Amino acid sequence: MVGGLLPAGTTLPPLPHLLAVLLATGGVVAALRRRRPRVTARRVLALAPWMALGSAAHVLYVVDALPPLLAPFAGSPTVYLTVGALAGAAWLAADAARPDRVAATLAAAGALCLVPVVAVAVGTGVSPVGARWSTVALALTVPVAGAAWAGLTRLRPEAAVTGSVGALAVFGHALDGVSTAVGTTQLGFGERTPLSRLLLEVGGLPSLPVIGEGWLFLLVKLAVASAVVWLFAAYVRETPAEGYLLLGFVAAMGLGPAAHNLILFSVAA
């Protein structure tokens, strides 16, 4: 029963790899709690490349392009702990070296890690059709996310206090919704999460251009993301550090799968 509730492809790595990831993650978390680096909107926003890094690494795992020694670290859900530990360590190093430039250093470090991973993925072979639809999904997301953010801040002006992190959360989930709809409608990809699959498979829905019947999935994603951002507004106002950090986690839950979709479509469609 439980297995049916988990995304397809969920696996645990061999015990040595699992212990290494857990020890590294525990060590980084303990160091972060001890140092307590300042959390701001800019610093959380700087984690965006790291959110995409986990997705790119998992694509390499899916297409079997990683060395056997490294592959278990990029499986799902282990890759989240792997990249989380790396991002946390980078944050600690940046905070220790240049406390006044943490956001820029953290974003640059994430980008430097992301670029070669994406390059390796592309090096396995580019699908022209998949790359084209990935571009379409990204282009379509910009006005969709913009409209969702504008509507949210107009209907609930207090949500604007979440700033760039709130906007990133809405954008990430919009991109996940659009790319998933495009992938299932135009490229024949399936959805691994049972609830998402159910929304995509609801019968009797009218079909829209590009996203087909996936508009319901997109609508639910936008509604949930917008509601969460609005609910977090008071939290961000009263406790900015914790509020921004948790809202960043919400953004990662959308941006990570979205980046995974775009990269996977481009190399495996």
Foldseek 3Di string as FASTA:
>chain_A
DVVLQDFPQADAFPPVVNVVLVVLLVVLVVVCVVVVQFFALLQLVLCLLLLLQLLLLLLCLVVVNDPPVCSNCNGPPNSVSVSVSVLSVQLVVLCVPPVPCSSVSSNVVSVVSRVVSLVSLCVLDWDPVLLVLLVVLLVVLVVVLVVLVVVLCVVQVLLCLLPPLLSLLLSLLLLQLSLQLLCCPPPVDATRRVVLNCQQPDPDAAQDPRRTSSVSSSVVSSVVSSVVSSVLSVVCVVPVRVSSNVSSVSSSVRNNSSSSSSSNSGRPD
